[in-house]
Amino acid sequence: MADNFIYGIGFMAGLLGAMLIGLIIVLTKIHKKKHTQFDERQVLARGTAYKVSFFVAIFYMLACFLVELFELRWAIFTVQMIIGVFITCAVFAIMCIFTNAYFGVNQKNSVAYIEVLASIGLMNTFIGINNLSDWGLPFTDGALNLNSINFIAAIFLFIIDIALIIKVILEKRASVEE
């Protein structure tokens, strides 16, 4: 029980740290008065991605309910909900990437984003490996436990990163063909 508390405190500290970094970035952008601008098509594509992500979240929660109803425990409740958040964020990001709505009209440095996503994914992988040595396996009685969250986050970050790499490659091929 104490390990879960310590893990929860660490998770919250990491979440608060990420929120602080995000706040600093937002305040820096506000100070520079350089806001990300999206054209009308991008706004519509992002709205569609939001809608699809919402319905994915609803279906995921219903699937978790049914799995729990039939007592097929594959993960503890906290991990199930965090996986749902990761899935919906990944769906939104991938839909926006492939509809050219992920970056604003004044943002085109996708290589920097590829590097950032890959480095955050690698950090999550290393943190997950460290958790294995400190707290044990990511399974308890055959169900995913809190030790698996960093690996799951890394997987979804790598999926989004791969989608971004594929989009960059497709754009380069299209520009070469023209």
N, C-alpha and C. Protein backbone atom coordinates (compact mmCIF):
# COMPACT_ATOMS: atom_id res chain seq x y z
N MET A 1 0.82 -1.20 0.00
CA MET A 1 0.00 0.00 0.00
C MET A 1 0.86 1.26 0.00
N ALA A 2 1.96 1.20 0.75
CA ALA A 2 2.85 2.36 0.81
C ALA A 2 3.49 2.62 -0.56
N ASP A 3 3.78 1.54 -1.31
CA ASP A 3 4.36 1.71 -2.64
C ASP A 3 3.41 2.43 -3.58
N ASN A 4 2.11 2.10 -3.51
CA ASN A 4 1.12 2.79 -4.34
C ASN A 4 1.04 4.26 -3.97
N PHE A 5 1.12 4.57 -2.68
CA PHE A 5 1.08 5.96 -2.24
C PHE A 5 2.28 6.72 -2.77
N ILE A 6 3.47 6.10 -2.64
CA ILE A 6 4.69 6.74 -3.12
C ILE A 6 4.63 6.92 -4.64
N TYR A 7 4.13 5.90 -5.34
CA TYR A 7 4.00 6.01 -6.79
C TYR A 7 3.02 7.12 -7.15
N GLY A 8 1.91 7.19 -6.42
CA GLY A 8 0.91 8.23 -6.67
C GLY A 8 1.49 9.62 -6.46
N ILE A 9 2.28 9.78 -5.40
CA ILE A 9 2.93 11.06 -5.15
C ILE A 9 3.90 11.40 -6.28
N GLY A 10 4.67 10.41 -6.72
CA GLY A 10 5.60 10.63 -7.83
C GLY A 10 4.88 10.97 -9.12
N PHE A 11 3.77 10.26 -9.37
CA PHE A 11 2.99 10.52 -10.57
C PHE A 11 2.42 11.94 -10.54
N MET A 12 1.88 12.34 -9.38
CA MET A 12 1.31 13.68 -9.26
C MET A 12 2.40 14.74 -9.39
N ALA A 13 3.59 14.47 -8.82
CA ALA A 13 4.69 15.42 -8.95
C ALA A 13 5.10 15.57 -10.42
N GLY A 14 5.15 14.46 -11.14
CA GLY A 14 5.47 14.53 -12.56
C GLY A 14 4.40 15.27 -13.35
N LEU A 15 3.13 15.00 -13.01
CA LEU A 15 2.03 15.68 -13.68
C LEU A 15 2.07 17.18 -13.40
N LEU A 16 2.31 17.55 -12.14
CA LEU A 16 2.40 18.97 -11.81
C LEU A 16 3.60 19.62 -12.48
N GLY A 17 4.72 18.88 -12.57
CA GLY A 17 5.89 19.41 -13.28
C GLY A 17 5.59 19.65 -14.75
N ALA A 18 4.89 18.71 -15.38
CA ALA A 18 4.51 18.88 -16.79
C ALA A 18 3.55 20.06 -16.97
N MET A 19 2.62 20.19 -16.03
CA MET A 19 1.69 21.32 -16.10
C MET A 19 2.43 22.65 -15.91
N LEU A 20 3.42 22.67 -15.03
CA LEU A 20 4.22 23.87 -14.82
C LEU A 20 5.00 24.23 -16.07
N ILE A 21 5.60 23.24 -16.71
CA ILE A 21 6.32 23.48 -17.95
C ILE A 21 5.36 24.00 -19.03
N GLY A 22 4.17 23.38 -19.11
CA GLY A 22 3.17 23.84 -20.07
C GLY A 22 2.74 25.27 -19.79
N LEU A 23 2.57 25.60 -18.52
CA LEU A 23 2.19 26.97 -18.15
C LEU A 23 3.28 27.95 -18.53
N ILE A 24 4.53 27.57 -18.31
CA ILE A 24 5.64 28.45 -18.69
C ILE A 24 5.65 28.67 -20.20
N ILE A 25 5.43 27.59 -20.96
CA ILE A 25 5.40 27.71 -22.42
C ILE A 25 4.26 28.62 -22.87
N VAL A 26 3.08 28.42 -22.28
CA VAL A 26 1.92 29.25 -22.64
C VAL A 26 2.18 30.71 -22.30
N LEU A 27 2.71 30.96 -21.11
CA LEU A 27 2.98 32.34 -20.72
C LEU A 27 4.05 32.97 -21.61
N THR A 28 5.04 32.19 -22.02
CA THR A 28 6.06 32.69 -22.92
C THR A 28 5.46 33.04 -24.28
N LYS A 29 4.56 32.19 -24.76
CA LYS A 29 3.93 32.47 -26.05
C LYS A 29 3.02 33.69 -25.96
N ILE A 30 2.32 33.83 -24.83
CA ILE A 30 1.45 35.00 -24.65
C ILE A 30 2.31 36.26 -24.62
N HIS A 31 3.43 36.15 -23.93
CA HIS A 31 4.32 37.30 -23.83
C HIS A 31 4.87 37.69 -25.19
N LYS A 32 5.18 36.71 -26.01
CA LYS A 32 5.71 37.00 -27.35
C LYS A 32 4.61 37.44 -28.32
N LYS A 33 3.36 37.24 -27.94
CA LYS A 33 2.21 37.58 -28.79
C LYS A 33 2.22 36.81 -30.10
N LYS A 34 2.84 35.65 -30.09
CA LYS A 34 2.86 34.81 -31.28
C LYS A 34 2.01 33.58 -30.99
N HIS A 35 0.75 33.68 -31.32
CA HIS A 35 -0.18 32.60 -31.05
C HIS A 35 -0.21 31.64 -32.24
N THR A 36 -0.46 30.38 -31.92
CA THR A 36 -0.64 29.41 -32.99
C THR A 36 -1.93 29.74 -33.71
N GLN A 37 -1.85 29.86 -35.00
CA GLN A 37 -3.02 30.21 -35.78
C GLN A 37 -3.41 29.03 -36.66
N PHE A 38 -4.69 28.74 -36.67
CA PHE A 38 -5.23 27.67 -37.50
C PHE A 38 -6.20 28.30 -38.49
N ASP A 39 -6.14 27.82 -39.74
CA ASP A 39 -7.12 28.30 -40.70
C ASP A 39 -8.45 27.58 -40.50
N GLU A 40 -9.45 27.94 -41.28
CA GLU A 40 -10.80 27.39 -41.09
C GLU A 40 -10.84 25.88 -41.28
N ARG A 41 -10.12 25.40 -42.28
CA ARG A 41 -10.09 23.97 -42.53
C ARG A 41 -9.48 23.22 -41.36
N GLN A 42 -8.41 23.76 -40.80
CA GLN A 42 -7.77 23.12 -39.65
C GLN A 42 -8.68 23.13 -38.42
N VAL A 43 -9.39 24.21 -38.22
CA VAL A 43 -10.32 24.28 -37.08
C VAL A 43 -11.40 23.22 -37.22
N LEU A 44 -11.93 23.07 -38.44
CA LEU A 44 -12.94 22.03 -38.67
C LEU A 44 -12.37 20.63 -38.47
N ALA A 45 -11.15 20.40 -38.95
CA ALA A 45 -10.52 19.08 -38.80
C ALA A 45 -10.25 18.78 -37.33
N ARG A 46 -9.82 19.78 -36.58
CA ARG A 46 -9.58 19.59 -35.15
C ARG A 46 -10.90 19.32 -34.42
N GLY A 47 -11.97 20.00 -34.83
CA GLY A 47 -13.28 19.74 -34.24
C GLY A 47 -13.74 18.31 -34.49
N THR A 48 -13.52 17.83 -35.70
CA THR A 48 -13.86 16.44 -36.02
C THR A 48 -13.02 15.47 -35.19
N ALA A 49 -11.74 15.78 -35.03
CA ALA A 49 -10.87 14.92 -34.22
C ALA A 49 -11.33 14.91 -32.76
N TYR A 50 -11.76 16.06 -32.25
CA TYR A 50 -12.30 16.12 -30.88
C TYR A 50 -13.52 15.22 -30.75
N LYS A 51 -14.41 15.30 -31.74
CA LYS A 51 -15.64 14.48 -31.70
C LYS A 51 -15.31 12.99 -31.72
N VAL A 52 -14.44 12.60 -32.63
CA VAL A 52 -14.07 11.19 -32.73
C VAL A 52 -13.40 10.73 -31.44
N SER A 53 -12.52 11.55 -30.88
CA SER A 53 -11.86 11.20 -29.63
C SER A 53 -12.86 11.04 -28.49
N PHE A 54 -13.86 11.90 -28.47
CA PHE A 54 -14.90 11.79 -27.44
C PHE A 54 -15.64 10.46 -27.56
N PHE A 55 -16.03 10.09 -28.77
CA PHE A 55 -16.75 8.83 -28.94
C PHE A 55 -15.86 7.63 -28.68
N VAL A 56 -14.58 7.73 -29.00
CA VAL A 56 -13.64 6.66 -28.65
C VAL A 56 -13.59 6.52 -27.13
N ALA A 57 -13.57 7.63 -26.41
CA ALA A 57 -13.56 7.58 -24.94
C ALA A 57 -14.83 6.92 -24.41
N ILE A 58 -15.97 7.26 -24.98
CA ILE A 58 -17.24 6.66 -24.54
C ILE A 58 -17.22 5.15 -24.80
N PHE A 59 -16.82 4.74 -25.99
CA PHE A 59 -16.79 3.30 -26.30
C PHE A 59 -15.76 2.57 -25.43
N TYR A 60 -14.65 3.22 -25.16
CA TYR A 60 -13.65 2.60 -24.31
C TYR A 60 -14.20 2.39 -22.89
N MET A 61 -14.87 3.42 -22.37
CA MET A 61 -15.44 3.28 -21.02
C MET A 61 -16.51 2.19 -20.98
N LEU A 62 -17.32 2.11 -22.03
CA LEU A 62 -18.31 1.03 -22.09
C LEU A 62 -17.64 -0.34 -22.16
N ALA A 63 -16.56 -0.44 -22.92
CA ALA A 63 -15.83 -1.71 -22.99
C ALA A 63 -15.24 -2.07 -21.63
N CYS A 64 -14.69 -1.08 -20.92
CA CYS A 64 -14.17 -1.33 -19.57
C CYS A 64 -15.28 -1.78 -18.63
N PHE A 65 -16.45 -1.16 -18.77
CA PHE A 65 -17.60 -1.56 -17.95
C PHE A 65 -17.99 -3.02 -18.23
N LEU A 66 -18.04 -3.38 -19.50
CA LEU A 66 -18.41 -4.75 -19.84
C LEU A 66 -17.36 -5.75 -19.37
N VAL A 67 -16.11 -5.40 -19.51
CA VAL A 67 -15.04 -6.28 -19.04
C VAL A 67 -15.15 -6.47 -17.53
N GLU A 68 -15.43 -5.39 -16.82
CA GLU A 68 -15.58 -5.47 -15.37
C GLU A 68 -16.84 -6.24 -15.00
N LEU A 69 -17.88 -6.08 -15.79
CA LEU A 69 -19.14 -6.78 -15.52
C LEU A 69 -18.96 -8.30 -15.61
N PHE A 70 -18.14 -8.73 -16.58
CA PHE A 70 -17.89 -10.15 -16.75
C PHE A 70 -16.68 -10.62 -15.93
N GLU A 71 -16.18 -9.74 -15.06
CA GLU A 71 -15.09 -10.05 -14.13
C GLU A 71 -13.82 -10.53 -14.85
N LEU A 72 -13.54 -9.92 -15.98
CA LEU A 72 -12.31 -10.19 -16.71
C LEU A 72 -11.32 -9.08 -16.37
N ARG A 73 -10.62 -9.24 -15.31
CA ARG A 73 -9.73 -8.18 -14.82
C ARG A 73 -8.41 -8.21 -15.60
N TRP A 74 -8.19 -7.20 -16.41
CA TRP A 74 -6.97 -7.10 -17.20
C TRP A 74 -6.07 -5.98 -16.69
N ALA A 75 -6.64 -5.02 -15.94
CA ALA A 75 -5.87 -3.92 -15.37
C ALA A 75 -6.65 -3.35 -14.19
N ILE A 76 -5.94 -2.74 -13.26
CA ILE A 76 -6.65 -2.08 -12.17
C ILE A 76 -7.36 -0.85 -12.73
N PHE A 77 -8.35 -0.37 -12.00
CA PHE A 77 -9.22 0.69 -12.50
C PHE A 77 -8.43 1.94 -12.91
N THR A 78 -7.48 2.35 -12.09
CA THR A 78 -6.69 3.54 -12.39
C THR A 78 -5.95 3.40 -13.71
N VAL A 79 -5.36 2.27 -13.92
CA VAL A 79 -4.61 2.03 -15.16
C VAL A 79 -5.57 2.00 -16.36
N GLN A 80 -6.74 1.40 -16.18
CA GLN A 80 -7.73 1.39 -17.27
C GLN A 80 -8.10 2.81 -17.69
N MET A 81 -8.34 3.68 -16.72
CA MET A 81 -8.75 5.05 -17.05
C MET A 81 -7.60 5.84 -17.68
N ILE A 82 -6.39 5.64 -17.21
CA ILE A 82 -5.25 6.34 -17.80
C ILE A 82 -5.01 5.85 -19.23
N ILE A 83 -5.18 4.56 -19.46
CA ILE A 83 -5.06 4.04 -20.82
C ILE A 83 -6.13 4.68 -21.71
N GLY A 84 -7.33 4.86 -21.18
CA GLY A 84 -8.39 5.54 -21.94
C GLY A 84 -8.00 6.95 -22.31
N VAL A 85 -7.38 7.67 -21.39
CA VAL A 85 -6.91 9.03 -21.69
C VAL A 85 -5.84 8.99 -22.77
N PHE A 86 -4.90 8.05 -22.66
CA PHE A 86 -3.85 7.93 -23.67
C PHE A 86 -4.44 7.60 -25.04
N ILE A 87 -5.40 6.70 -25.08
CA ILE A 87 -6.02 6.31 -26.36
C ILE A 87 -6.70 7.51 -27.00
N THR A 88 -7.50 8.25 -26.23
CA THR A 88 -8.23 9.38 -26.82
C THR A 88 -7.27 10.48 -27.26
N CYS A 89 -6.21 10.72 -26.49
CA CYS A 89 -5.22 11.72 -26.91
C CYS A 89 -4.51 11.28 -28.19
N ALA A 90 -4.19 9.99 -28.27
CA ALA A 90 -3.52 9.48 -29.47
C ALA A 90 -4.44 9.58 -30.69
N VAL A 91 -5.70 9.25 -30.52
CA VAL A 91 -6.65 9.36 -31.64
C VAL A 91 -6.74 10.80 -32.12
N PHE A 92 -6.86 11.73 -31.17
CA PHE A 92 -6.92 13.14 -31.54
C PHE A 92 -5.66 13.57 -32.28
N ALA A 93 -4.50 13.25 -31.71
CA ALA A 93 -3.23 13.68 -32.30
C ALA A 93 -3.04 13.09 -33.69
N ILE A 94 -3.31 11.80 -33.84
CA ILE A 94 -3.10 11.15 -35.14
C ILE A 94 -4.06 11.68 -36.19
N MET A 95 -5.31 11.90 -35.81
CA MET A 95 -6.26 12.47 -36.77
C MET A 95 -5.82 13.87 -37.19
N CYS A 96 -5.36 14.66 -36.23
CA CYS A 96 -4.90 16.01 -36.57
C CYS A 96 -3.64 15.98 -37.43
N ILE A 97 -2.75 15.05 -37.14
CA ILE A 97 -1.52 14.95 -37.93
C ILE A 97 -1.84 14.64 -39.39
N PHE A 98 -2.71 13.67 -39.63
CA PHE A 98 -2.98 13.25 -41.01
C PHE A 98 -3.96 14.16 -41.74
N THR A 99 -4.60 15.09 -41.04
CA THR A 99 -5.44 16.07 -41.72
C THR A 99 -4.79 17.45 -41.74
N ASN A 100 -3.48 17.48 -41.45
CA ASN A 100 -2.71 18.73 -41.44
C ASN A 100 -3.29 19.77 -40.50
N ALA A 101 -3.84 19.32 -39.38
CA ALA A 101 -4.42 20.25 -38.41
C ALA A 101 -3.67 20.19 -37.07
N TYR A 102 -2.57 19.48 -37.02
CA TYR A 102 -1.81 19.35 -35.76
C TYR A 102 -0.96 20.59 -35.53
N PHE A 103 -0.38 21.13 -36.58
CA PHE A 103 0.43 22.33 -36.49
C PHE A 103 -0.36 23.49 -37.08
N GLY A 104 -0.18 24.66 -36.50
CA GLY A 104 -0.84 25.85 -37.02
C GLY A 104 -0.19 26.28 -38.33
N VAL A 105 -0.79 27.30 -38.95
CA VAL A 105 -0.25 27.79 -40.22
C VAL A 105 1.10 28.47 -40.01
N ASN A 106 1.38 28.90 -38.78
CA ASN A 106 2.67 29.55 -38.50
C ASN A 106 3.65 28.60 -37.80
N GLN A 107 3.35 27.29 -37.79
CA GLN A 107 4.24 26.28 -37.19
C GLN A 107 4.50 25.20 -38.23
N LYS A 108 5.74 24.99 -38.53
CA LYS A 108 6.05 23.92 -39.49
C LYS A 108 7.28 23.11 -39.11
N ASN A 109 7.82 23.28 -37.92
CA ASN A 109 9.02 22.56 -37.53
C ASN A 109 8.64 21.23 -36.89
N SER A 110 8.21 20.28 -37.72
CA SER A 110 7.76 18.99 -37.20
C SER A 110 8.91 18.12 -36.72
N VAL A 111 10.14 18.37 -37.20
CA VAL A 111 11.29 17.59 -36.77
C VAL A 111 11.53 17.81 -35.27
N ALA A 112 11.35 19.02 -34.79
CA ALA A 112 11.53 19.30 -33.37
C ALA A 112 10.51 18.53 -32.54
N TYR A 113 9.29 18.45 -33.04
CA TYR A 113 8.26 17.70 -32.32
C TYR A 113 8.56 16.20 -32.32
N ILE A 114 9.10 15.71 -33.42
CA ILE A 114 9.48 14.29 -33.49
C ILE A 114 10.55 14.00 -32.44
N GLU A 115 11.53 14.89 -32.34
CA GLU A 115 12.60 14.69 -31.36
C GLU A 115 12.07 14.77 -29.93
N VAL A 116 11.18 15.72 -29.66
CA VAL A 116 10.63 15.88 -28.31
C VAL A 116 9.80 14.65 -27.93
N LEU A 117 8.92 14.20 -28.83
CA LEU A 117 8.10 13.02 -28.53
C LEU A 117 8.95 11.78 -28.31
N ALA A 118 9.99 11.63 -29.13
CA ALA A 118 10.87 10.46 -28.97
C ALA A 118 11.62 10.53 -27.64
N SER A 119 12.10 11.71 -27.28
CA SER A 119 12.85 11.81 -26.02
C SER A 119 11.95 11.60 -24.82
N ILE A 120 10.73 12.11 -24.85
CA ILE A 120 9.80 11.88 -23.74
C ILE A 120 9.42 10.41 -23.67
N GLY A 121 9.24 9.77 -24.82
CA GLY A 121 8.96 8.34 -24.84
C GLY A 121 10.11 7.53 -24.27
N LEU A 122 11.33 7.90 -24.62
CA LEU A 122 12.50 7.20 -24.07
C LEU A 122 12.62 7.43 -22.56
N MET A 123 12.34 8.65 -22.11
CA MET A 123 12.38 8.91 -20.67
C MET A 123 11.36 8.05 -19.94
N ASN A 124 10.16 7.94 -20.49
CA ASN A 124 9.14 7.10 -19.86
C ASN A 124 9.58 5.64 -19.84
N THR A 125 10.24 5.20 -20.90
CA THR A 125 10.74 3.82 -20.93
C THR A 125 11.77 3.60 -19.83
N PHE A 126 12.71 4.52 -19.69
CA PHE A 126 13.73 4.37 -18.65
C PHE A 126 13.14 4.46 -17.25
N ILE A 127 12.15 5.33 -17.07
CA ILE A 127 11.47 5.41 -15.77
C ILE A 127 10.75 4.11 -15.48
N GLY A 128 10.12 3.53 -16.51
CA GLY A 128 9.45 2.25 -16.34
C GLY A 128 10.42 1.14 -15.96
N ILE A 129 11.60 1.14 -16.59
CA ILE A 129 12.62 0.13 -16.24
C ILE A 129 13.07 0.34 -14.80
N ASN A 130 13.24 1.59 -14.40
CA ASN A 130 13.62 1.88 -13.02
C ASN A 130 12.53 1.42 -12.05
N ASN A 131 11.27 1.61 -12.42
CA ASN A 131 10.17 1.15 -11.58
C ASN A 131 10.19 -0.36 -11.42
N LEU A 132 10.57 -1.07 -12.49
CA LEU A 132 10.65 -2.53 -12.40
C LEU A 132 11.67 -2.96 -11.35
N SER A 133 12.80 -2.27 -11.35
CA SER A 133 13.83 -2.65 -10.37
C SER A 133 13.45 -2.23 -8.96
N ASP A 134 12.70 -1.12 -8.82
CA ASP A 134 12.33 -0.64 -7.49
C ASP A 134 11.09 -1.32 -6.93
N TRP A 135 10.05 -1.48 -7.77
CA TRP A 135 8.75 -1.90 -7.26
C TRP A 135 8.25 -3.22 -7.82
N GLY A 136 8.94 -3.80 -8.76
CA GLY A 136 8.54 -5.10 -9.26
C GLY A 136 7.82 -5.05 -10.59
N LEU A 137 7.25 -6.17 -10.95
CA LEU A 137 6.61 -6.35 -12.25
C LEU A 137 5.39 -5.44 -12.43
N PRO A 138 5.07 -5.14 -13.71
CA PRO A 138 3.90 -4.31 -13.97
C PRO A 138 2.58 -5.08 -13.90
N PHE A 139 2.60 -6.28 -13.36
CA PHE A 139 1.40 -7.09 -13.24
C PHE A 139 1.19 -7.50 -11.79
N THR A 140 -0.05 -7.52 -11.37
CA THR A 140 -0.43 -8.06 -10.07
C THR A 140 -1.60 -9.00 -10.32
N ASP A 141 -1.40 -10.27 -10.06
CA ASP A 141 -2.43 -11.29 -10.28
C ASP A 141 -2.95 -11.26 -11.72
N GLY A 142 -2.07 -11.06 -12.67
CA GLY A 142 -2.44 -11.08 -14.08
C GLY A 142 -3.02 -9.78 -14.60
N ALA A 143 -3.12 -8.74 -13.78
CA ALA A 143 -3.69 -7.46 -14.19
C ALA A 143 -2.60 -6.39 -14.17
N LEU A 144 -2.65 -5.49 -15.14
CA LEU A 144 -1.70 -4.39 -15.17
C LEU A 144 -1.86 -3.54 -13.91
N ASN A 145 -0.74 -3.16 -13.31
CA ASN A 145 -0.79 -2.30 -12.13
C ASN A 145 -0.14 -0.96 -12.45
N LEU A 146 0.05 -0.13 -11.45
CA LEU A 146 0.58 1.22 -11.67
C LEU A 146 2.00 1.22 -12.22
N ASN A 147 2.76 0.14 -12.03
CA ASN A 147 4.12 0.08 -12.56
C ASN A 147 4.15 0.06 -14.08
N SER A 148 3.02 -0.17 -14.72
CA SER A 148 2.97 -0.26 -16.18
C SER A 148 2.68 1.08 -16.86
N ILE A 149 2.32 2.09 -16.10
CA ILE A 149 1.87 3.35 -16.71
C ILE A 149 2.95 4.00 -17.56
N ASN A 150 4.19 4.01 -17.09
CA ASN A 150 5.25 4.63 -17.88
C ASN A 150 5.48 3.91 -19.20
N PHE A 151 5.42 2.58 -19.18
CA PHE A 151 5.58 1.82 -20.43
C PHE A 151 4.41 2.12 -21.38
N ILE A 152 3.21 2.20 -20.84
CA ILE A 152 2.04 2.48 -21.67
C ILE A 152 2.14 3.89 -22.26
N ALA A 153 2.56 4.86 -21.45
CA ALA A 153 2.74 6.22 -21.96
C ALA A 153 3.78 6.24 -23.06
N ALA A 154 4.87 5.51 -22.87
CA ALA A 154 5.92 5.46 -23.90
C ALA A 154 5.39 4.87 -25.19
N ILE A 155 4.60 3.82 -25.09
CA ILE A 155 4.03 3.19 -26.28
C ILE A 155 3.18 4.18 -27.06
N PHE A 156 2.30 4.91 -26.36
CA PHE A 156 1.44 5.86 -27.06
C PHE A 156 2.23 7.04 -27.62
N LEU A 157 3.25 7.49 -26.91
CA LEU A 157 4.09 8.56 -27.44
C LEU A 157 4.83 8.10 -28.70
N PHE A 158 5.32 6.87 -28.69
CA PHE A 158 6.00 6.35 -29.87
C PHE A 158 5.02 6.18 -31.04
N ILE A 159 3.78 5.79 -30.75
CA ILE A 159 2.77 5.67 -31.82
C ILE A 159 2.51 7.03 -32.46
N ILE A 160 2.35 8.06 -31.64
CA ILE A 160 2.13 9.40 -32.18
C ILE A 160 3.37 9.86 -32.95
N ASP A 161 4.54 9.55 -32.43
CA ASP A 161 5.79 9.92 -33.09
C ASP A 161 5.91 9.23 -34.45
N ILE A 162 5.56 7.96 -34.50
CA ILE A 162 5.60 7.22 -35.77
C ILE A 162 4.62 7.82 -36.77
N ALA A 163 3.43 8.20 -36.30
CA ALA A 163 2.45 8.84 -37.19
C ALA A 163 3.01 10.15 -37.74
N LEU A 164 3.69 10.91 -36.91
CA LEU A 164 4.28 12.17 -37.35
C LEU A 164 5.40 11.92 -38.35
N ILE A 165 6.22 10.91 -38.12
CA ILE A 165 7.30 10.56 -39.05
C ILE A 165 6.72 10.13 -40.40
N ILE A 166 5.67 9.31 -40.36
CA ILE A 166 5.02 8.87 -41.61
C ILE A 166 4.47 10.07 -42.37
N LYS A 167 3.85 11.02 -41.67
CA LYS A 167 3.30 12.20 -42.32
C LYS A 167 4.41 13.03 -42.96
N VAL A 168 5.53 13.19 -42.27
CA VAL A 168 6.65 13.96 -42.82
C VAL A 168 7.18 13.27 -44.08
N ILE A 169 7.31 11.95 -44.04
CA ILE A 169 7.79 11.19 -45.20
C ILE A 169 6.82 11.34 -46.37
N LEU A 170 5.51 11.23 -46.09
CA LEU A 170 4.52 11.38 -47.16
C LEU A 170 4.55 12.77 -47.76
N GLU A 171 4.74 13.80 -46.93
CA GLU A 171 4.81 15.17 -47.44
C GLU A 171 6.06 15.37 -48.30
N LYS A 172 7.18 14.77 -47.89
CA LYS A 172 8.40 14.90 -48.69
C LYS A 172 8.26 14.21 -50.03
N ARG A 173 7.62 13.02 -50.03
CA ARG A 173 7.39 12.31 -51.30
C ARG A 173 6.47 13.10 -52.21
N ALA A 174 5.43 13.72 -51.63
CA ALA A 174 4.50 14.50 -52.44
C ALA A 174 5.19 15.74 -53.02
N SER A 175 6.08 16.35 -52.26
CA SER A 175 6.77 17.53 -52.77
C SER A 175 7.80 17.15 -53.84
N VAL A 176 8.39 15.97 -53.75
CA VAL A 176 9.34 15.52 -54.76
C VAL A 176 8.60 15.20 -56.06
N GLU A 177 7.41 14.60 -55.96
CA GLU A 177 6.64 14.23 -57.15
C GLU A 177 6.12 15.45 -57.90
N GLU A 178 5.97 16.57 -57.22
CA GLU A 178 5.44 17.78 -57.89
C GLU A 178 6.47 18.49 -58.65
